[in-house]
N, C-alpha and C. Protein backbone atom coordinates (compact mmCIF):
# COMPACT_ATOMS: atom_id res chain seq x y z
N MET A 1 118.32 107.26 176.56
CA MET A 1 118.72 107.02 175.06
C MET A 1 120.12 107.64 174.91
N SER A 2 121.21 106.93 174.73
CA SER A 2 122.58 107.52 174.74
C SER A 2 122.74 108.00 173.28
N VAL A 3 122.15 107.45 172.28
CA VAL A 3 122.31 107.83 170.84
C VAL A 3 121.00 108.54 170.40
N ARG A 4 121.14 109.69 169.85
CA ARG A 4 119.96 110.35 169.33
C ARG A 4 119.76 109.93 167.97
N ILE A 5 118.68 109.28 167.59
CA ILE A 5 118.35 108.69 166.31
C ILE A 5 117.12 109.37 165.87
N LYS A 6 117.12 109.67 164.53
CA LYS A 6 116.03 109.98 163.82
C LYS A 6 115.54 108.83 162.74
N PHE A 7 114.18 108.63 162.63
CA PHE A 7 113.78 107.58 161.83
C PHE A 7 112.93 108.26 160.70
N LEU A 8 112.94 107.46 159.64
CA LEU A 8 112.00 107.61 158.45
C LEU A 8 111.27 106.36 158.38
N MET A 9 110.11 106.27 158.61
CA MET A 9 109.25 105.01 158.68
C MET A 9 108.55 104.86 157.33
N ASP A 10 108.99 103.68 156.63
CA ASP A 10 108.36 103.52 155.43
C ASP A 10 106.81 102.91 155.68
N GLU A 11 105.98 103.20 154.75
CA GLU A 11 104.53 102.82 154.79
C GLU A 11 104.49 101.37 155.19
N SER A 12 105.23 100.48 154.69
CA SER A 12 105.16 99.13 154.83
C SER A 12 105.27 98.66 156.30
N THR A 13 105.95 99.47 157.08
CA THR A 13 106.10 99.20 158.47
C THR A 13 104.93 99.67 159.30
N GLY A 14 104.40 100.68 158.86
CA GLY A 14 102.93 101.17 159.52
C GLY A 14 103.08 102.26 160.51
N ALA A 15 101.88 102.88 160.54
CA ALA A 15 101.76 104.00 161.32
C ALA A 15 101.83 103.61 162.72
N SER A 16 101.54 102.45 163.33
CA SER A 16 101.57 102.10 164.71
C SER A 16 103.01 101.99 165.27
N VAL A 17 103.96 101.63 164.31
CA VAL A 17 105.28 101.57 164.78
C VAL A 17 105.86 103.00 164.98
N ALA A 18 105.55 103.86 163.93
CA ALA A 18 105.82 105.36 163.89
C ALA A 18 105.35 105.96 165.18
N GLU A 19 104.06 105.67 165.62
CA GLU A 19 103.49 106.35 166.73
C GLU A 19 104.27 105.93 168.11
N TYR A 20 104.59 104.77 168.04
CA TYR A 20 105.16 104.05 169.31
C TYR A 20 106.48 104.84 169.55
N LEU A 21 107.30 104.85 168.48
CA LEU A 21 108.49 105.43 168.49
C LEU A 21 108.56 106.91 168.86
N ARG A 22 107.51 107.57 168.35
CA ARG A 22 107.30 109.05 168.62
C ARG A 22 107.06 108.98 170.21
N ARG A 23 106.20 108.26 170.73
CA ARG A 23 105.89 108.36 172.08
C ARG A 23 107.09 107.97 172.98
N ALA A 24 107.96 107.07 172.51
CA ALA A 24 109.16 106.77 173.10
C ALA A 24 110.21 107.90 173.19
N GLY A 25 109.94 108.94 172.28
CA GLY A 25 110.85 110.09 172.31
C GLY A 25 111.69 110.24 171.19
N PHE A 26 111.49 109.41 170.15
CA PHE A 26 112.22 109.44 169.02
C PHE A 26 111.60 110.46 167.91
N ASP A 27 112.51 111.05 167.15
CA ASP A 27 112.12 111.99 166.16
C ASP A 27 111.74 111.05 164.87
N VAL A 28 110.55 110.88 164.34
CA VAL A 28 110.02 110.00 163.36
C VAL A 28 109.26 110.73 162.34
N LEU A 29 109.53 110.47 161.16
CA LEU A 29 108.71 110.90 160.05
C LEU A 29 108.06 109.55 159.46
N PHE A 30 106.78 109.75 159.08
CA PHE A 30 106.18 108.62 158.50
C PHE A 30 105.83 108.79 157.02
N VAL A 31 106.34 108.02 156.20
CA VAL A 31 106.11 108.23 154.70
C VAL A 31 104.80 108.37 154.34
N GLY A 32 103.90 107.80 155.02
CA GLY A 32 102.31 107.76 154.70
C GLY A 32 101.88 109.16 155.03
N GLU A 33 102.64 110.05 155.79
CA GLU A 33 102.16 111.27 156.14
C GLU A 33 102.90 112.44 155.30
N THR A 34 104.07 112.04 154.97
CA THR A 34 104.90 113.13 154.27
C THR A 34 105.20 112.94 152.67
N MET A 35 105.19 111.58 152.38
CA MET A 35 105.75 111.20 151.05
C MET A 35 104.92 110.05 150.45
N GLN A 36 103.55 110.15 150.62
CA GLN A 36 102.68 109.12 150.13
C GLN A 36 103.02 108.46 148.79
N GLN A 37 103.15 107.25 148.63
CA GLN A 37 103.33 106.64 147.37
C GLN A 37 104.59 106.95 146.70
N ALA A 38 105.57 107.44 147.47
CA ALA A 38 106.94 107.85 146.97
C ALA A 38 107.70 106.65 146.48
N ASP A 39 108.39 106.85 145.46
CA ASP A 39 109.33 105.69 144.93
C ASP A 39 110.34 105.29 146.02
N ASP A 40 110.71 103.98 146.12
CA ASP A 40 111.68 103.66 146.98
C ASP A 40 113.08 104.44 146.99
N ALA A 41 113.61 104.65 145.75
CA ALA A 41 114.85 105.49 145.68
C ALA A 41 114.71 106.82 146.35
N ASP A 42 113.50 107.37 146.04
CA ASP A 42 113.30 108.84 146.76
C ASP A 42 113.27 108.70 148.04
N ILE A 43 112.58 107.63 148.75
CA ILE A 43 112.54 107.52 150.19
C ILE A 43 113.86 107.33 150.71
N LEU A 44 114.78 106.42 150.17
CA LEU A 44 115.98 106.28 150.73
C LEU A 44 116.85 107.52 150.65
N ALA A 45 116.75 108.20 149.37
CA ALA A 45 117.52 109.54 149.26
C ALA A 45 116.94 110.65 150.43
N GLN A 46 115.69 110.69 150.67
CA GLN A 46 115.17 111.61 151.64
C GLN A 46 115.76 111.32 153.00
N ALA A 47 115.63 109.96 153.37
CA ALA A 47 116.32 109.51 154.59
C ALA A 47 117.91 109.82 154.81
N ALA A 48 118.58 109.62 153.76
CA ALA A 48 120.03 109.93 153.70
C ALA A 48 120.09 111.60 153.87
N HIS A 49 119.40 112.23 153.19
CA HIS A 49 119.49 113.68 153.07
C HIS A 49 119.34 114.30 154.53
N GLU A 50 118.33 113.57 155.15
CA GLU A 50 118.01 114.11 156.64
C GLU A 50 118.62 113.34 157.75
N ASN A 51 119.66 112.41 157.39
CA ASN A 51 120.31 111.75 158.38
C ASN A 51 119.37 110.86 159.21
N ARG A 52 118.36 110.20 158.49
CA ARG A 52 117.50 109.25 159.22
C ARG A 52 117.59 107.95 158.96
N ILE A 53 117.38 107.05 159.91
CA ILE A 53 117.51 105.65 159.74
C ILE A 53 116.01 105.24 159.02
N LEU A 54 116.20 104.60 157.98
CA LEU A 54 114.95 104.09 157.38
C LEU A 54 114.57 102.73 158.01
N MET A 55 113.45 102.70 158.40
CA MET A 55 112.72 101.45 159.01
C MET A 55 111.68 101.09 157.94
N THR A 56 111.83 99.72 157.52
CA THR A 56 110.95 99.27 156.42
C THR A 56 110.62 97.82 156.65
N ASN A 57 109.75 97.24 155.93
CA ASN A 57 109.54 95.74 155.72
C ASN A 57 109.70 95.38 154.28
N ASP A 58 110.19 96.36 153.42
CA ASP A 58 110.32 96.30 152.00
C ASP A 58 111.82 95.82 151.65
N LYS A 59 112.07 94.52 151.21
CA LYS A 59 113.47 94.23 150.92
C LYS A 59 113.98 94.77 149.60
N ASP A 60 113.20 95.53 148.75
CA ASP A 60 113.57 96.23 147.82
C ASP A 60 114.84 97.28 148.09
N PHE A 61 114.72 97.76 149.33
CA PHE A 61 115.83 98.57 149.86
C PHE A 61 117.11 97.95 149.96
N GLY A 62 117.25 96.65 150.32
CA GLY A 62 118.42 95.95 150.17
C GLY A 62 118.99 95.96 148.78
N GLU A 63 118.21 95.76 147.82
CA GLU A 63 118.73 95.97 146.41
C GLU A 63 119.14 97.16 146.09
N LEU A 64 118.51 98.35 146.64
CA LEU A 64 119.10 99.72 146.20
C LEU A 64 120.51 99.93 147.01
N VAL A 65 120.63 99.57 148.33
CA VAL A 65 121.70 99.57 149.07
C VAL A 65 122.90 98.75 148.52
N PHE A 66 122.77 97.39 148.31
CA PHE A 66 123.74 96.59 148.02
C PHE A 66 123.97 96.27 146.64
N ARG A 67 123.13 96.44 145.70
CA ARG A 67 123.39 96.14 144.28
C ARG A 67 123.54 97.59 143.50
N SER A 68 122.71 98.49 144.06
CA SER A 68 122.87 99.85 143.45
C SER A 68 123.86 100.84 144.18
N GLY A 69 124.34 100.47 145.24
CA GLY A 69 125.18 101.25 145.90
C GLY A 69 124.64 102.62 146.43
N ARG A 70 123.29 102.75 146.69
CA ARG A 70 122.80 104.07 147.08
C ARG A 70 123.20 104.39 148.41
N THR A 71 123.45 105.66 148.58
CA THR A 71 123.78 106.26 149.92
C THR A 71 122.70 106.17 150.82
N HIS A 72 122.97 105.77 152.14
CA HIS A 72 121.92 105.81 153.21
C HIS A 72 122.68 106.18 154.48
N ALA A 73 121.65 106.44 155.42
CA ALA A 73 122.10 106.90 156.80
C ALA A 73 122.06 105.65 157.84
N GLY A 74 121.38 104.56 157.30
CA GLY A 74 121.17 103.29 157.91
C GLY A 74 119.84 102.80 157.51
N VAL A 75 119.69 101.61 157.43
CA VAL A 75 118.41 100.82 157.17
C VAL A 75 118.20 99.68 158.11
N VAL A 76 116.96 99.64 158.62
CA VAL A 76 116.51 98.49 159.43
C VAL A 76 115.30 97.88 158.73
N LEU A 77 115.71 96.67 158.32
CA LEU A 77 114.75 95.83 157.57
C LEU A 77 113.97 94.82 158.32
N PHE A 78 112.76 94.77 158.64
CA PHE A 78 111.99 93.77 159.27
C PHE A 78 111.71 92.73 158.25
N ARG A 79 112.17 91.49 158.86
CA ARG A 79 111.75 90.23 158.01
C ARG A 79 111.13 89.39 158.99
N LEU A 80 109.93 89.58 159.33
CA LEU A 80 109.13 88.84 160.37
C LEU A 80 108.14 87.76 159.86
N GLN A 81 108.09 86.80 160.73
CA GLN A 81 107.10 85.82 160.42
C GLN A 81 105.75 86.22 160.82
N ASP A 82 105.83 87.00 161.97
CA ASP A 82 104.43 87.45 162.48
C ASP A 82 104.45 88.89 162.04
N GLU A 83 103.68 89.24 161.07
CA GLU A 83 103.52 90.76 160.54
C GLU A 83 102.60 91.54 161.34
N SER A 84 102.08 91.15 162.36
CA SER A 84 100.92 91.97 163.20
C SER A 84 101.48 93.32 163.62
N GLN A 85 100.73 94.16 163.75
CA GLN A 85 101.15 95.37 164.28
C GLN A 85 101.76 95.43 165.79
N ASP A 86 101.13 94.62 166.47
CA ASP A 86 101.74 94.39 167.85
C ASP A 86 103.22 93.77 167.78
N ASN A 87 103.40 92.96 166.94
CA ASN A 87 104.81 92.36 166.71
C ASN A 87 105.79 93.17 166.02
N ARG A 88 105.28 94.03 165.11
CA ARG A 88 106.24 95.14 164.53
C ARG A 88 106.64 96.06 165.58
N VAL A 89 105.64 96.50 166.43
CA VAL A 89 105.83 97.53 167.40
C VAL A 89 106.86 96.93 168.46
N ARG A 90 106.88 95.61 168.87
CA ARG A 90 107.60 94.96 169.79
C ARG A 90 109.01 95.01 169.11
N MET A 91 109.13 94.67 168.04
CA MET A 91 110.58 94.43 167.45
C MET A 91 111.16 95.79 167.26
N ALA A 92 110.44 96.73 166.95
CA ALA A 92 110.83 98.25 166.84
C ALA A 92 111.39 98.62 168.23
N GLN A 93 110.65 98.41 169.31
CA GLN A 93 110.96 98.56 170.65
C GLN A 93 112.39 98.00 171.04
N ILE A 94 112.44 96.83 170.56
CA ILE A 94 113.94 96.15 170.97
C ILE A 94 114.99 96.64 170.06
N VAL A 95 114.72 97.00 168.67
CA VAL A 95 115.86 97.56 168.00
C VAL A 95 116.27 98.95 168.49
N ALA A 96 115.21 99.76 168.69
CA ALA A 96 115.52 101.17 169.14
C ALA A 96 115.98 101.37 170.51
N GLY A 97 115.54 100.40 171.33
CA GLY A 97 115.90 100.55 172.64
C GLY A 97 117.08 99.87 173.07
N GLU A 98 117.52 98.67 172.31
CA GLU A 98 118.70 98.07 172.69
C GLU A 98 119.86 98.11 171.82
N TYR A 99 119.77 98.66 170.59
CA TYR A 99 120.76 98.57 169.57
C TYR A 99 120.91 99.96 168.89
N PRO A 100 120.58 101.16 169.54
CA PRO A 100 120.59 102.34 168.94
C PRO A 100 121.97 102.61 168.27
N GLU A 101 123.08 102.43 168.88
CA GLU A 101 124.39 102.66 168.50
C GLU A 101 124.90 101.82 167.28
N ARG A 102 124.17 100.76 167.02
CA ARG A 102 124.53 100.07 165.83
C ARG A 102 123.74 100.24 164.56
N LEU A 103 122.85 101.27 164.78
CA LEU A 103 121.93 101.54 163.43
C LEU A 103 122.47 102.56 162.51
N PRO A 104 123.15 103.58 163.02
CA PRO A 104 123.60 104.59 162.07
C PRO A 104 124.49 104.02 160.93
N GLY A 105 124.35 104.31 159.67
CA GLY A 105 125.20 103.80 158.73
C GLY A 105 125.24 102.21 158.30
N ASN A 106 124.57 101.52 159.16
CA ASN A 106 124.46 100.19 158.84
C ASN A 106 123.08 99.59 158.30
N PHE A 107 123.18 98.37 157.63
CA PHE A 107 121.96 97.78 157.22
C PHE A 107 121.70 96.66 158.25
N VAL A 108 120.43 96.62 158.96
CA VAL A 108 120.09 95.81 160.09
C VAL A 108 119.00 95.05 159.65
N VAL A 109 119.01 93.81 159.80
CA VAL A 109 117.90 92.77 159.43
C VAL A 109 117.49 92.31 160.61
N VAL A 110 116.08 92.47 160.88
CA VAL A 110 115.43 92.17 162.13
C VAL A 110 114.46 90.99 161.91
N THR A 111 114.73 89.78 162.68
CA THR A 111 113.72 88.78 162.68
C THR A 111 113.42 88.33 164.23
N GLU A 112 112.50 87.62 164.34
CA GLU A 112 112.13 87.27 165.59
C GLU A 112 113.17 86.41 166.22
N LYS A 113 114.11 85.81 165.39
CA LYS A 113 115.31 84.93 166.03
C LYS A 113 116.46 85.78 166.32
N GLY A 114 116.50 87.02 165.68
CA GLY A 114 117.67 87.72 166.10
C GLY A 114 117.84 88.91 165.16
N ILE A 115 119.05 89.61 165.33
CA ILE A 115 119.20 90.98 164.69
C ILE A 115 120.64 90.79 164.10
N ARG A 116 120.65 90.99 162.66
CA ARG A 116 121.83 90.95 161.93
C ARG A 116 122.28 92.36 161.56
N VAL A 117 123.57 92.75 161.88
CA VAL A 117 124.06 94.10 161.44
C VAL A 117 125.13 93.87 160.35
N ARG A 118 124.90 94.48 159.27
CA ARG A 118 125.90 94.53 158.16
C ARG A 118 126.50 95.89 158.29
N THR A 119 127.70 96.06 158.64
CA THR A 119 128.23 97.31 158.77
C THR A 119 128.66 97.81 157.33
N ARG A 120 128.62 99.19 157.25
CA ARG A 120 129.01 99.73 155.99
C ARG A 120 130.58 99.52 155.74
N LEU A 121 130.88 99.09 154.78
CA LEU A 121 132.36 99.04 154.24
C LEU A 121 132.92 100.49 154.12
N LYS A 122 134.05 100.60 154.69
CA LYS A 122 134.78 101.91 154.68
C LYS A 122 135.55 101.90 153.24
N PRO A 123 135.69 103.05 152.49
CA PRO A 123 136.36 103.03 151.27
C PRO A 123 137.89 102.91 151.67
N SER A 124 138.79 102.03 150.69
CA SER A 124 140.03 102.09 151.18
C SER A 124 140.80 103.26 150.55
């Protein structure tokens, strides 16, 4: 692993994904263990404060980032047809294993068909 990444795993993504990433050697906090039922804005703020990539299935985080301009350290949004735990783990494995250098500071949308990276615009 060339890029050292820390994740904050949203409850919507699931404990199985958090456990997989921990076993793979990543530093992962799971919202279900540390911030149960927290507001999305608070979750995003905590991830930014701790320089953690937020991994989620909740598209409301896109609203917070793009419409509200909230600060973030990076967001990975799963938009999967197959929402099974096995598929979420498989997609997390691909994202964390093959794209770690593209996650920090960016908004990444993950589907079974591909991965789209929206880079953070630099202020002029």
